PDB file of N, CA and C in Angstrom:
ATOM      1  N   MET A   1      27.564  87.095 -73.388  1.00  0.00           N
ATOM      2  CA  MET A   1      28.902  87.533 -73.835  1.00  0.00           C
ATOM      3  C   MET A   1      30.033  86.560 -74.503  1.00  0.00           C
ATOM      4  N   SER A   2      30.415  87.032 -75.493  1.00  0.00           N
ATOM      5  CA  SER A   2      31.305  86.202 -76.538  1.00  0.00           C
ATOM      6  C   SER A   2      32.672  86.126 -75.806  1.00  0.00           C
ATOM      7  N   ARG A   3      33.100  84.801 -76.074  1.00  0.00           N
ATOM      8  CA  ARG A   3      34.567  84.617 -75.458  1.00  0.00           C
ATOM      9  C   ARG A   3      35.476  84.978 -76.224  1.00  0.00           C
ATOM     10  N   ILE A   4      36.621  85.526 -75.766  1.00  0.00           N
ATOM     11  CA  ILE A   4      37.742  86.081 -76.519  1.00  0.00           C
ATOM     12  C   ILE A   4      38.861  84.758 -76.053  1.00  0.00           C
ATOM     13  N   ILE A   5      39.430  84.408 -76.915  1.00  0.00           N
ATOM     14  CA  ILE A   5      40.795  83.427 -76.831  1.00  0.00           C
ATOM     15  C   ILE A   5      41.699  84.246 -77.045  1.00  0.00           C
ATOM     16  N   ARG A   6      42.960  84.127 -76.282  1.00  0.00           N
ATOM     17  CA  ARG A   6      44.329  84.762 -76.465  1.00  0.00           C
ATOM     18  C   ARG A   6      45.193  83.865 -76.529  1.00  0.00           C
ATOM     19  N   THR A   7      45.920  83.795 -77.633  1.00  0.00           N
ATOM     20  CA  THR A   7      46.995  82.702 -77.669  1.00  0.00           C
ATOM     21  C   THR A   7      48.458  83.244 -77.260  1.00  0.00           C
ATOM     22  N   GLU A   8      49.024  82.567 -76.601  1.00  0.00           N
ATOM     23  CA  GLU A   8      50.215  83.085 -76.183  1.00  0.00           C
ATOM     24  C   GLU A   8      50.304  84.637 -75.660  1.00  0.00           C
ATOM     25  N   PRO A   9      49.673  84.930 -74.836  1.00  0.00           N
ATOM     26  CA  PRO A   9      49.619  86.452 -74.415  1.00  0.00           C
ATOM     27  C   PRO A   9      50.848  86.553 -73.616  1.00  0.00           C
ATOM     28  N   THR A  10      51.052  88.155 -73.837  1.00  0.00           N
ATOM     29  CA  THR A  10      52.328  88.293 -73.036  1.00  0.00           C
ATOM     30  C   THR A  10      52.066  89.707 -72.679  1.00  0.00           C
ATOM     31  N   ALA A  11      52.947  90.575 -71.862  1.00  0.00           N
ATOM     32  CA  ALA A  11      52.421  91.693 -71.374  1.00  0.00           C
ATOM     33  C   ALA A  11      52.296  92.746 -72.500  1.00  0.00           C
ATOM     34  N   ILE A  12      52.656  92.659 -73.485  1.00  0.00           N
ATOM     35  CA  ILE A  12      52.587  93.655 -74.826  1.00  0.00           C
ATOM     36  C   ILE A  12      51.649  93.164 -76.017  1.00  0.00           C
ATOM     37  N   LEU A  13      51.544  91.661 -76.130  1.00  0.00           N
ATOM     38  CA  LEU A  13      50.615  91.207 -77.255  1.00  0.00           C
ATOM     39  C   LEU A  13      50.514  89.935 -77.171  1.00  0.00           C
ATOM     40  N   SER A  14      49.539  89.251 -78.071  1.00  0.00           N
ATOM     41  CA  SER A  14      49.028  87.703 -77.953  1.00  0.00           C
ATOM     42  C   SER A  14      49.615  87.396 -79.454  1.00  0.00           C
ATOM     43  N   ARG A  15      50.004  85.870 -79.627  1.00  0.00           N
ATOM     44  CA  ARG A  15      50.344  85.503 -80.832  1.00  0.00           C
ATOM     45  C   ARG A  15      49.249  85.640 -81.700  1.00  0.00           C
ATOM     46  N   ALA A  16      48.140  85.306 -81.260  1.00  0.00           N
ATOM     47  CA  ALA A  16      46.860  85.533 -82.055  1.00  0.00           C
ATOM     48  C   ALA A  16      45.738  85.715 -81.027  1.00  0.00           C
ATOM     49  N   VAL A  17      44.529  86.341 -81.289  1.00  0.00           N
ATOM     50  CA  VAL A  17      43.160  86.442 -80.623  1.00  0.00           C
ATOM     51  C   VAL A  17      42.244  85.870 -81.637  1.00  0.00           C
ATOM     52  N   GLU A  18      41.322  85.142 -80.915  1.00  0.00           N
ATOM     53  CA  GLU A  18      40.031  84.711 -81.523  1.00  0.00           C
ATOM     54  C   GLU A  18      38.659  85.178 -80.948  1.00  0.00           C
ATOM     55  N   TYR A  19      37.970  85.588 -81.824  1.00  0.00           N
ATOM     56  CA  TYR A  19      36.688  86.281 -81.268  1.00  0.00           C
ATOM     57  C   TYR A  19      35.500  86.225 -82.537  1.00  0.00           C
ATOM     58  N   HIS A  20      34.483  85.534 -81.922  1.00  0.00           N
ATOM     59  CA  HIS A  20      33.277  85.683 -83.152  1.00  0.00           C
ATOM     60  C   HIS A  20      33.924  84.627 -84.155  1.00  0.00           C
ATOM     61  N   GLY A  21      34.544  83.940 -84.206  1.00  0.00           N
ATOM     62  CA  GLY A  21      34.957  82.931 -85.429  1.00  0.00           C
ATOM     63  C   GLY A  21      35.823  83.675 -86.228  1.00  0.00           C
ATOM     64  N   PHE A  22      36.608  84.782 -85.796  1.00  0.00           N
ATOM     65  CA  PHE A  22      37.540  85.495 -86.380  1.00  0.00           C
ATOM     66  C   PHE A  22      39.018  85.250 -85.760  1.00  0.00           C
ATOM     67  N   VAL A  23      40.061  84.983 -86.683  1.00  0.00           N
ATOM     68  CA  VAL A  23      41.507  84.784 -85.886  1.00  0.00           C
ATOM     69  C   VAL A  23      42.119  86.040 -86.508  1.00  0.00           C
ATOM     70  N   TYR A  24      42.764  86.781 -85.504  1.00  0.00           N
ATOM     71  CA  TYR A  24      44.024  88.092 -85.768  1.00  0.00           C
ATOM     72  C   TYR A  24      45.272  87.636 -85.414  1.00  0.00           C
ATOM     73  N   THR A  25      45.993  87.211 -86.227  1.00  0.00           N
ATOM     74  CA  THR A  25      47.375  87.285 -85.490  1.00  0.00           C
ATOM     75  C   THR A  25      48.227  88.646 -85.307  1.00  0.00           C
ATOM     76  N   SER A  26      49.038  88.357 -84.562  1.00  0.00           N
ATOM     77  CA  SER A  26      50.085  89.455 -84.505  1.00  0.00           C
ATOM     78  C   SER A  26      50.951  89.536 -85.762  1.00  0.00           C
ATOM     79  N   GLY A  27      51.694  90.749 -85.867  1.00  0.00           N
ATOM     80  CA  GLY A  27      52.725  90.947 -86.780  1.00  0.00           C
ATOM     81  C   GLY A  27      53.623  89.573 -86.515  1.00  0.00           C
ATOM     82  N   VAL A  28      53.929  88.956 -87.820  1.00  0.00           N
ATOM     83  CA  VAL A  28      55.150  87.534 -87.545  1.00  0.00           C
ATOM     84  C   VAL A  28      56.180  87.862 -88.167  1.00  0.00           C
ATOM     85  N   LEU A  29      57.344  87.893 -87.387  1.00  0.00           N
ATOM     86  CA  LEU A  29      58.621  87.873 -87.987  1.00  0.00           C
ATOM     87  C   LEU A  29      59.279  86.532 -88.247  1.00  0.00           C
ATOM     88  N   ALA A  30      60.191  86.463 -88.972  1.00  0.00           N
ATOM     89  CA  ALA A  30      61.053  85.087 -89.297  1.00  0.00           C
ATOM     90  C   ALA A  30      61.584  84.816 -87.839  1.00  0.00           C
ATOM     91  N   ARG A  31      62.020  83.873 -87.700  1.00  0.00           N
ATOM     92  CA  ARG A  31      63.009  83.166 -86.559  1.00  0.00           C
ATOM     93  C   ARG A  31      64.229  83.484 -86.386  1.00  0.00           C
ATOM     94  N   ASP A  32      64.632  83.120 -87.888  1.00  0.00           N
ATOM     95  CA  ASP A  32      65.946  83.060 -88.378  1.00  0.00           C
ATOM     96  C   ASP A  32      66.000  84.406 -89.548  1.00  0.00           C
ATOM     97  N   LEU A  33      66.641  85.726 -88.739  1.00  0.00           N
ATOM     98  CA  LEU A  33      66.684  86.970 -89.216  1.00  0.00           C
ATOM     99  C   LEU A  33      67.996  87.054 -90.015  1.00  0.00           C
ATOM    100  N   GLY A  34      68.640  85.810 -90.266  1.00  0.00           N
ATOM    101  CA  GLY A  34      70.074  86.187 -91.078  1.00  0.00           C
ATOM    102  C   GLY A  34      69.437  85.671 -92.627  1.00  0.00           C
ATOM    103  N   LYS A  35      68.242  85.281 -92.745  1.00  0.00           N
ATOM    104  CA  LYS A  35      67.808  84.761 -94.144  1.00  0.00           C
ATOM    105  C   LYS A  35      67.544  85.670 -94.985  1.00  0.00           C
ATOM    106  N   ASP A  36      67.641  85.578 -96.415  1.00  0.00           N
ATOM    107  CA  ASP A  36      66.939  86.649 -97.377  1.00  0.00           C
ATOM    108  C   ASP A  36      65.627  86.747 -97.371  1.00  0.00           C
ATOM    109  N   ILE A  37      65.105  87.661 -98.070  1.00  0.00           N
ATOM    110  CA  ILE A  37      63.913  87.999 -98.082  1.00  0.00           C
ATOM    111  C   ILE A  37      62.747  86.824 -98.503  1.00  0.00           C
ATOM    112  N   LYS A  38      63.182  86.021 -99.310  1.00  0.00           N
ATOM    113  CA  LYS A  38      62.348  84.773 -99.625  1.00  0.00           C
ATOM    114  C   LYS A  38      62.582  83.752 -98.318  1.00  0.00           C
ATOM    115  N   GLY A  39      63.741  83.686 -97.659  1.00  0.00           N
ATOM    116  CA  GLY A  39      63.494  82.757 -96.698  1.00  0.00           C
ATOM    117  C   GLY A  39      62.900  83.230 -95.494  1.00  0.00           C
ATOM    118  N   GLN A  40      63.068  84.465 -95.023  1.00  0.00           N
ATOM    119  CA  GLN A  40      62.128  85.077 -94.324  1.00  0.00           C
ATOM    120  C   GLN A  40      60.768  84.862 -94.643  1.00  0.00           C
ATOM    121  N   THR A  41      60.455  85.277 -95.610  1.00  0.00           N
ATOM    122  CA  THR A  41      58.762  85.053 -96.010  1.00  0.00           C
ATOM    123  C   THR A  41      58.574  83.563 -95.768  1.00  0.00           C
ATOM    124  N   GLU A  42      59.050  82.647 -96.279  1.00  0.00           N
ATOM    125  CA  GLU A  42      58.795  81.319 -96.068  1.00  0.00           C
ATOM    126  C   GLU A  42      58.478  80.956 -94.570  1.00  0.00           C
ATOM    127  N   GLU A  43      59.401  81.445 -93.659  1.00  0.00           N
ATOM    128  CA  GLU A  43      59.286  81.152 -92.337  1.00  0.00           C
ATOM    129  C   GLU A  43      58.126  81.763 -91.541  1.00  0.00           C
ATOM    130  N   VAL A  44      57.707  82.916 -92.092  1.00  0.00           N
ATOM    131  CA  VAL A  44      56.727  84.073 -91.354  1.00  0.00           C
ATOM    132  C   VAL A  44      55.585  83.008 -91.819  1.00  0.00           C
ATOM    133  N   LEU A  45      55.282  82.545 -93.252  1.00  0.00           N
ATOM    134  CA  LEU A  45      54.082  82.153 -93.610  1.00  0.00           C
ATOM    135  C   LEU A  45      53.731  80.539 -92.849  1.00  0.00           C
ATOM    136  N   ALA A  46      55.076  79.886 -92.435  1.00  0.00           N
ATOM    137  CA  ALA A  46      54.891  78.796 -92.102  1.00  0.00           C
ATOM    138  C   ALA A  46      54.370  79.019 -90.636  1.00  0.00           C
ATOM    139  N   GLU A  47      54.952  80.198 -89.789  1.00  0.00           N
ATOM    140  CA  GLU A  47      54.390  80.262 -88.515  1.00  0.00           C
ATOM    141  C   GLU A  47      52.953  80.936 -88.656  1.00  0.00           C
ATOM    142  N   ILE A  48      52.488  81.515 -89.722  1.00  0.00           N
ATOM    143  CA  ILE A  48      51.134  81.767 -89.929  1.00  0.00           C
ATOM    144  C   ILE A  48      50.246  80.629 -90.187  1.00  0.00           C
ATOM    145  N   ASP A  49      50.824  79.726 -90.887  1.00  0.00           N
ATOM    146  CA  ASP A  49      49.830  78.269 -90.823  1.00  0.00           C
ATOM    147  C   ASP A  49      49.774  77.499 -89.319  1.00  0.00           C
ATOM    148  N   ALA A  50      50.948  77.709 -88.724  1.00  0.00           N
ATOM    149  CA  ALA A  50      50.663  77.062 -87.409  1.00  0.00           C
ATOM    150  C   ALA A  50      49.762  77.806 -86.540  1.00  0.00           C
ATOM    151  N   THR A  51      49.788  78.981 -86.397  1.00  0.00           N
ATOM    152  CA  THR A  51      48.674  79.961 -85.676  1.00  0.00           C
ATOM    153  C   THR A  51      47.495  79.559 -86.125  1.00  0.00           C
ATOM    154  N   LEU A  52      47.203  79.701 -87.277  1.00  0.00           N
ATOM    155  CA  LEU A  52      45.789  79.354 -87.919  1.00  0.00           C
ATOM    156  C   LEU A  52      45.361  78.132 -87.366  1.00  0.00           C
ATOM    157  N   GLU A  53      46.326  76.920 -87.566  1.00  0.00           N
ATOM    158  CA  GLU A  53      46.038  75.677 -87.275  1.00  0.00           C
ATOM    159  C   GLU A  53      45.331  75.450 -85.795  1.00  0.00           C
ATOM    160  N   ILE A  54      46.159  76.062 -84.818  1.00  0.00           N
ATOM    161  CA  ILE A  54      45.733  75.981 -83.478  1.00  0.00           C
ATOM    162  C   ILE A  54      44.327  76.542 -83.356  1.00  0.00           C
ATOM    163  N   HIS A  55      44.015  77.618 -84.025  1.00  0.00           N
ATOM    164  CA  HIS A  55      42.515  78.063 -83.877  1.00  0.00           C
ATOM    165  C   HIS A  55      41.675  77.423 -84.824  1.00  0.00           C
ATOM    166  N   GLY A  56      42.159  76.304 -85.451  1.00  0.00           N
ATOM    167  CA  GLY A  56      41.108  75.353 -86.163  1.00  0.00           C
ATOM    168  C   GLY A  56      40.828  75.904 -87.689  1.00  0.00           C
ATOM    169  N   THR A  57      41.545  76.761 -88.294  1.00  0.00           N
ATOM    170  CA  THR A  57      41.191  77.247 -89.468  1.00  0.00           C
ATOM    171  C   THR A  57      42.570  77.528 -90.310  1.00  0.00           C
ATOM    172  N   ASP A  58      42.646  77.926 -91.502  1.00  0.00           N
ATOM    173  CA  ASP A  58      43.809  77.773 -92.259  1.00  0.00           C
ATOM    174  C   ASP A  58      43.670  78.909 -93.474  1.00  0.00           C
ATOM    175  N   LYS A  59      44.777  78.802 -94.270  1.00  0.00           N
ATOM    176  CA  LYS A  59      45.033  79.887 -95.189  1.00  0.00           C
ATOM    177  C   LYS A  59      44.014  79.953 -96.323  1.00  0.00           C
ATOM    178  N   THR A  60      43.049  79.013 -96.254  1.00  0.00           N
ATOM    179  CA  THR A  60      41.804  79.171 -97.329  1.00  0.00           C
ATOM    180  C   THR A  60      40.721  79.855 -97.009  1.00  0.00           C
ATOM    181  N   ARG A  61      40.967  80.162 -95.555  1.00  0.00           N
ATOM    182  CA  ARG A  61      39.796  81.326 -94.797  1.00  0.00           C
ATOM    183  C   ARG A  61      40.482  82.724 -94.607  1.00  0.00           C
ATOM    184  N   LEU A  62      41.695  83.008 -95.335  1.00  0.00           N
ATOM    185  CA  LEU A  62      42.291  84.397 -95.206  1.00  0.00           C
ATOM    186  C   LEU A  62      41.269  85.485 -95.494  1.00  0.00           C
ATOM    187  N   LEU A  63      41.192  86.441 -94.911  1.00  0.00           N
ATOM    188  CA  LEU A  63      40.259  87.537 -95.317  1.00  0.00           C
ATOM    189  C   LEU A  63      41.174  88.920 -95.632  1.00  0.00           C
ATOM    190  N   GLN A  64      41.963  89.014 -94.776  1.00  0.00           N
ATOM    191  CA  GLN A  64      42.882  90.217 -94.813  1.00  0.00           C
ATOM    192  C   GLN A  64      44.136  90.136 -94.520  1.00  0.00           C
ATOM    193  N   ALA A  65      45.445  90.827 -95.147  1.00  0.00           N
ATOM    194  CA  ALA A  65      46.691  90.644 -94.657  1.00  0.00           C
ATOM    195  C   ALA A  65      47.397  92.089 -94.803  1.00  0.00           C
ATOM    196  N   GLN A  66      48.261  92.287 -93.946  1.00  0.00           N
ATOM    197  CA  GLN A  66      48.975  93.333 -94.145  1.00  0.00           C
ATOM    198  C   GLN A  66      50.585  93.103 -93.852  1.00  0.00           C
ATOM    199  N   ILE A  67      51.029  93.488 -94.831  1.00  0.00           N
ATOM    200  CA  ILE A  67      52.690  93.187 -94.837  1.00  0.00           C
ATOM    201  C   ILE A  67      53.552  94.435 -94.987  1.00  0.00           C
ATOM    202  N   TRP A  68      54.435  94.435 -94.215  1.00  0.00           N
ATOM    203  CA  TRP A  68      55.444  95.397 -93.823  1.00  0.00           C
ATOM    204  C   TRP A  68      56.765  94.646 -94.495  1.00  0.00           C
ATOM    205  N   LEU A  69      57.428  95.455 -95.334  1.00  0.00           N
ATOM    206  CA  LEU A  69      58.832  95.299 -95.946  1.00  0.00           C
ATOM    207  C   LEU A  69      59.807  96.210 -95.572  1.00  0.00           C
ATOM    208  N   LYS A  70      61.059  96.004 -95.120  1.00  0.00           N
ATOM    209  CA  LYS A  70      61.965  96.630 -94.731  1.00  0.00           C
ATOM    210  C   LYS A  70      62.481  97.535 -96.300  1.00  0.00           C
ATOM    211  N   HIS A  71      62.352  96.680 -97.304  1.00  0.00           N
ATOM    212  CA  HIS A  71      62.740  97.747 -98.547  1.00  0.00           C
ATOM    213  C   HIS A  71      61.688  97.364 -99.512  1.00  0.00           C
ATOM    214  N   ILE A  72      61.087  98.147-100.036  1.00  0.00           N
ATOM    215  CA  ILE A  72      60.099  97.733-100.958  1.00  0.00           C
ATOM    216  C   ILE A  72      60.260  97.295-102.373  1.00  0.00           C
ATOM    217  N   GLY A  73      61.760  97.514-102.787  1.00  0.00           N
ATOM    218  CA  GLY A  73      62.278  96.850-103.634  1.00  0.00           C
ATOM    219  C   GLY A  73      62.380  95.095-103.716  1.00  0.00           C
ATOM    220  N   ASP A  74      62.075  94.759-102.078  1.00  0.00           N
ATOM    221  CA  ASP A  74      62.000  93.275-101.945  1.00  0.00           C
ATOM    222  C   ASP A  74      60.534  92.631-102.293  1.00  0.00           C
ATOM    223  N   ARG A  75      59.719  93.440-102.904  1.00  0.00           N
ATOM    224  CA  ARG A  75      58.150  93.392-103.140  1.00  0.00           C
ATOM    225  C   ARG A  75      58.083  92.201-103.924  1.00  0.00           C
ATOM    226  N   ALA A  76      58.651  92.107-105.273  1.00  0.00           N
ATOM    227  CA  ALA A  76      58.652  91.007-106.101  1.00  0.00           C
ATOM    228  C   ALA A  76      59.028  89.703-105.495  1.00  0.00           C
ATOM    229  N   ALA A  77      60.192  89.648-104.981  1.00  0.00           N
ATOM    230  CA  ALA A  77      60.678  88.395-104.375  1.00  0.00           C
ATOM    231  C   ALA A  77      59.699  87.778-103.245  1.00  0.00           C
ATOM    232  N   MET A  78      59.316  88.722-102.357  1.00  0.00           N
ATOM    233  CA  MET A  78      58.418  88.325-101.507  1.00  0.00           C
ATOM    234  C   MET A  78      57.005  87.784-102.294  1.00  0.00           C
ATOM    235  N   ASN A  79      56.391  88.565-103.213  1.00  0.00           N
ATOM    236  CA  ASN A  79      55.372  87.879-103.714  1.00  0.00           C
ATOM    237  C   ASN A  79      55.611  86.569-104.442  1.00  0.00           C
ATOM    238  N   GLU A  80      56.704  86.218-104.974  1.00  0.00           N
ATOM    239  CA  GLU A  80      57.076  84.841-105.419  1.00  0.00           C
ATOM    240  C   GLU A  80      56.644  83.835-104.261  1.00  0.00           C
ATOM    241  N   ILE A  81      57.150  84.222-103.065  1.00  0.00           N
ATOM    242  CA  ILE A  81      56.700  82.917-101.912  1.00  0.00           C
ATOM    243  C   ILE A  81      55.357  83.215-101.548  1.00  0.00           C
ATOM    244  N   TRP A  82      54.768  84.341-101.542  1.00  0.00           N
ATOM    245  CA  TRP A  82      53.480  84.555-101.004  1.00  0.00           C
ATOM    246  C   TRP A  82      52.433  84.106-102.079  1.00  0.00           C
ATOM    247  N   SER A  83      52.565  84.313-103.355  1.00  0.00           N
ATOM    248  CA  SER A  83      51.589  83.879-104.352  1.00  0.00           C
ATOM    249  C   SER A  83      51.769  82.073-104.383  1.00  0.00           C
ATOM    250  N   ALA A  84      53.124  81.801-104.334  1.00  0.00           N
ATOM    251  CA  ALA A  84      53.059  80.093-104.100  1.00  0.00           C
ATOM    252  C   ALA A  84      52.173  79.506-102.908  1.00  0.00           C
ATOM    253  N   TRP A  85      52.273  80.226-102.025  1.00  0.00           N
ATOM    254  CA  TRP A  85      51.693  79.808-100.632  1.00  0.00           C
ATOM    255  C   TRP A  85      50.187  80.050-100.645  1.00  0.00           C
ATOM    256  N   LEU A  86      49.601  80.948-101.231  1.00  0.00           N
ATOM    257  CA  LEU A  86      48.193  81.331-101.279  1.00  0.00           C
ATOM    258  C   LEU A  86      47.455  80.111-101.969  1.00  0.00           C
ATOM    259  N   PRO A  87      46.256  79.930-101.427  1.00  0.00           N
ATOM    260  CA  PRO A  87      45.465  78.738-102.191  1.00  0.00           C
ATOM    261  C   PRO A  87      44.833  79.390-103.539  1.00  0.00           C
ATOM    262  N   LYS A  88      44.667  78.582-104.633  1.00  0.00           N
ATOM    263  CA  LYS A  88      44.104  79.332-105.943  1.00  0.00           C
ATOM    264  C   LYS A  88      42.998  79.973-105.639  1.00  0.00           C
ATOM    265  N   ASP A  89      43.001  81.135-106.163  1.00  0.00           N
ATOM    266  CA  ASP A  89      41.583  81.927-106.018  1.00  0.00           C
ATOM    267  C   ASP A  89      41.568  82.313-104.673  1.00  0.00           C
ATOM    268  N   GLY A  90      42.433  82.510-103.866  1.00  0.00           N
ATOM    269  CA  GLY A  90      42.128  82.631-102.270  1.00  0.00           C
ATOM    270  C   GLY A  90      42.704  83.852-101.798  1.00  0.00           C
ATOM    271  N   ALA A  91      43.380  84.787-102.549  1.00  0.00           N
ATOM    272  CA  ALA A  91      44.169  85.952-102.166  1.00  0.00           C
ATOM    273  C   ALA A  91      42.997  86.838-101.037  1.00  0.00           C
ATOM    274  N   PRO A  92      43.367  87.078 -99.984  1.00  0.00           N
ATOM    275  CA  PRO A  92      42.897  88.139 -99.182  1.00  0.00           C
ATOM    276  C   PRO A  92      42.941  89.546 -99.754  1.00  0.00           C
ATOM    277  N   VAL A  93      42.235  90.469 -99.068  1.00  0.00           N
ATOM    278  CA  VAL A  93      42.521  91.771 -99.295  1.00  0.00           C
ATOM    279  C   VAL A  93      43.949  92.309 -98.574  1.00  0.00           C
ATOM    280  N   ARG A  94      44.610  93.195 -99.430  1.00  0.00           N
ATOM    281  CA  ARG A  94      46.068  93.002 -98.736  1.00  0.00           C
ATOM    282  C   ARG A  94      46.634  94.414 -98.547  1.00  0.00           C
ATOM    283  N   ALA A  95      47.620  94.862 -97.930  1.00  0.00           N
ATOM    284  CA  ALA A  95      48.378  96.083 -97.952  1.00  0.00           C
ATOM    285  C   ALA A  95      49.894  95.556 -97.663  1.00  0.00           C
ATOM    286  N   CYS A  96      50.830  96.425 -98.530  1.00  0.00           N
ATOM    287  CA  CYS A  96      51.958  96.188 -98.753  1.00  0.00           C
ATOM    288  C   CYS A  96      52.657  97.341 -98.539  1.00  0.00           C
ATOM    289  N   VAL A  97      53.379  97.451 -97.500  1.00  0.00           N
ATOM    290  CA  VAL A  97      54.290  98.750 -97.537  1.00  0.00           C
ATOM    291  C   VAL A  97      55.474  98.617 -97.018  1.00  0.00           C
ATOM    292  N   GLU A  98      56.297  99.691 -97.346  1.00  0.00           N
ATOM    293  CA  GLU A  98      57.523  99.824 -96.570  1.00  0.00           C
ATOM    294  C   GLU A  98      57.608 100.499 -95.411  1.00  0.00           C
ATOM    295  N   ALA A  99      58.491  99.554 -94.348  1.00  0.00           N
ATOM    296  CA  ALA A  99      58.454 100.233 -93.125  1.00  0.00           C
ATOM    297  C   ALA A  99      59.743 100.055 -92.346  1.00  0.00           C
ATOM    298  N   ALA A 100      59.815 100.819 -91.334  1.00  0.00           N
ATOM    299  CA  ALA A 100      61.072 100.605 -90.426  1.00  0.00           C
ATOM    300  C   ALA A 100      60.620  99.561 -89.516  1.00  0.00           C
ATOM    301  N   LEU A 101      61.141  98.137 -89.599  1.00  0.00           N
ATOM    302  CA  LEU A 101      60.792  97.191 -88.538  1.00  0.00           C
ATOM    303  C   LEU A 101      61.441  97.234 -87.210  1.00  0.00           C
ATOM    304  N   ALA A 102      60.824  96.702 -86.153  1.00  0.00           N
ATOM    305  CA  ALA A 102      61.423  96.936 -84.869  1.00  0.00           C
ATOM    306  C   ALA A 102      62.997  96.301 -84.750  1.00  0.00           C
ATOM    307  N   ASP A 103      63.151  95.225 -85.556  1.00  0.00           N
ATOM    308  CA  ASP A 103      64.451  94.595 -85.600  1.00  0.00           C
ATOM    309  C   ASP A 103      65.114  95.003 -86.861  1.00  0.00           C
ATOM    310  N   PRO A 104      66.173  95.559 -86.973  1.00  0.00           N
ATOM    311  CA  PRO A 104      66.975  96.051 -88.200  1.00  0.00           C
ATOM    312  C   PRO A 104      67.015  94.926 -89.208  1.00  0.00           C
ATOM    313  N   ARG A 105      67.415  93.605 -88.447  1.00  0.00           N
ATOM    314  CA  ARG A 105      67.558  92.395 -89.305  1.00  0.00           C
ATOM    315  C   ARG A 105      66.252  91.694 -90.094  1.00  0.00           C
ATOM    316  N   ALA A 106      65.195  92.404 -89.579  1.00  0.00           N
ATOM    317  CA  ALA A 106      63.961  91.699 -89.916  1.00  0.00           C
ATOM    318  C   ALA A 106      63.588  92.419 -91.611  1.00  0.00           C
ATOM    319  N   LEU A 107      63.504  91.509 -92.326  1.00  0.00           N
ATOM    320  CA  LEU A 107      63.034  92.105 -93.859  1.00  0.00           C
ATOM    321  C   LEU A 107      61.412  92.279 -94.172  1.00  0.00           C
ATOM    322  N   VAL A 108      60.761  91.349 -93.421  1.00  0.00           N
ATOM    323  CA  VAL A 108      59.331  91.228 -93.636  1.00  0.00           C
ATOM    324  C   VAL A 108      58.354  91.034 -92.490  1.00  0.00           C
ATOM    325  N   GLU A 109      57.471  91.708 -92.049  1.00  0.00           N
ATOM    326  CA  GLU A 109      56.303  91.191 -91.038  1.00  0.00           C
ATOM    327  C   GLU A 109      55.064  91.026 -91.723  1.00  0.00           C
ATOM    328  N   ILE A 110      54.290  90.075 -91.453  1.00  0.00           N
ATOM    329  CA  ILE A 110      53.021  89.946 -91.862  1.00  0.00           C
ATOM    330  C   ILE A 110      51.895  89.598 -90.848  1.00  0.00           C
ATOM    331  N   GLN A 111      50.683  90.231 -91.089  1.00  0.00           N
ATOM    332  CA  GLN A 111      49.795  89.971 -90.132  1.00  0.00           C
ATOM    333  C   GLN A 111      48.517  89.803 -90.783  1.00  0.00           C
ATOM    334  N   VAL A 112      47.765  88.703 -90.436  1.00  0.00           N
ATOM    335  CA  VAL A 112      46.729  88.388 -91.301  1.00  0.00           C
ATOM    336  C   VAL A 112      45.358  88.237 -90.545  1.00  0.00           C
ATOM    337  N   VAL A 113      44.285  88.154 -90.988  1.00  0.00           N
ATOM    338  CA  VAL A 113      42.930  87.977 -90.092  1.00  0.00           C
ATOM    339  C   VAL A 113      42.244  86.786 -91.158  1.00  0.00           C
ATOM    340  N   ALA A 114      41.793  85.802 -90.284  1.00  0.00           N
ATOM    341  CA  ALA A 114      41.105  84.775 -91.019  1.00  0.00           C
ATOM    342  C   ALA A 114      39.853  84.359 -90.267  1.00  0.00           C
ATOM    343  N   CYS A 115      38.766  83.772 -90.994  1.00  0.00           N
ATOM    344  CA  CYS A 115      37.801  83.303 -90.316  1.00  0.00           C
ATOM    345  C   CYS A 115      37.549  81.779 -90.162  1.00  0.00           C
ATOM    346  N   LYS A 116      36.866  81.028 -89.338  1.00  0.00           N
ATOM    347  CA  LYS A 116      36.825  79.783 -88.833  1.00  0.00           C
ATOM    348  C   LYS A 116      35.901  78.974 -89.961  1.00  0.00           C
TER     349      LYS A 116
END
C-alpha cells in the first residue's frame, strides 16, 4: 500500500497531501488580507512555493491550478503576478473563477497540484 503524507493536518484539512509522487495543496489564502490583489497573490504564491519545497518539488513541476477570485475584474492584476511567478513555458492547466471566499477580506485563493 502506498504511503499518504499529510502536512499540517487539522480537523478539517491538511496544508498539503502527497501520494504516489503527486502533491496536492489546500486552497491558499494570503496571511495579510489587508493587501490588494497583487499583494495577496504574491503572498499566496510564496506560501505555495514553501509548501512544495517541503515536499521536495517546486513550481516547475506544476500540473494543475485552481484560482478563485472575489472579483473576476481582478483577473488581469492577479495574472500579472501569476505570469511573472511561473517558469518559462511552465504554465499548468488552470481554472480561474469568481467566488465568494470564506473570509470576506480575501481576494484570491489558489490550489495547485504538482508532481515530484
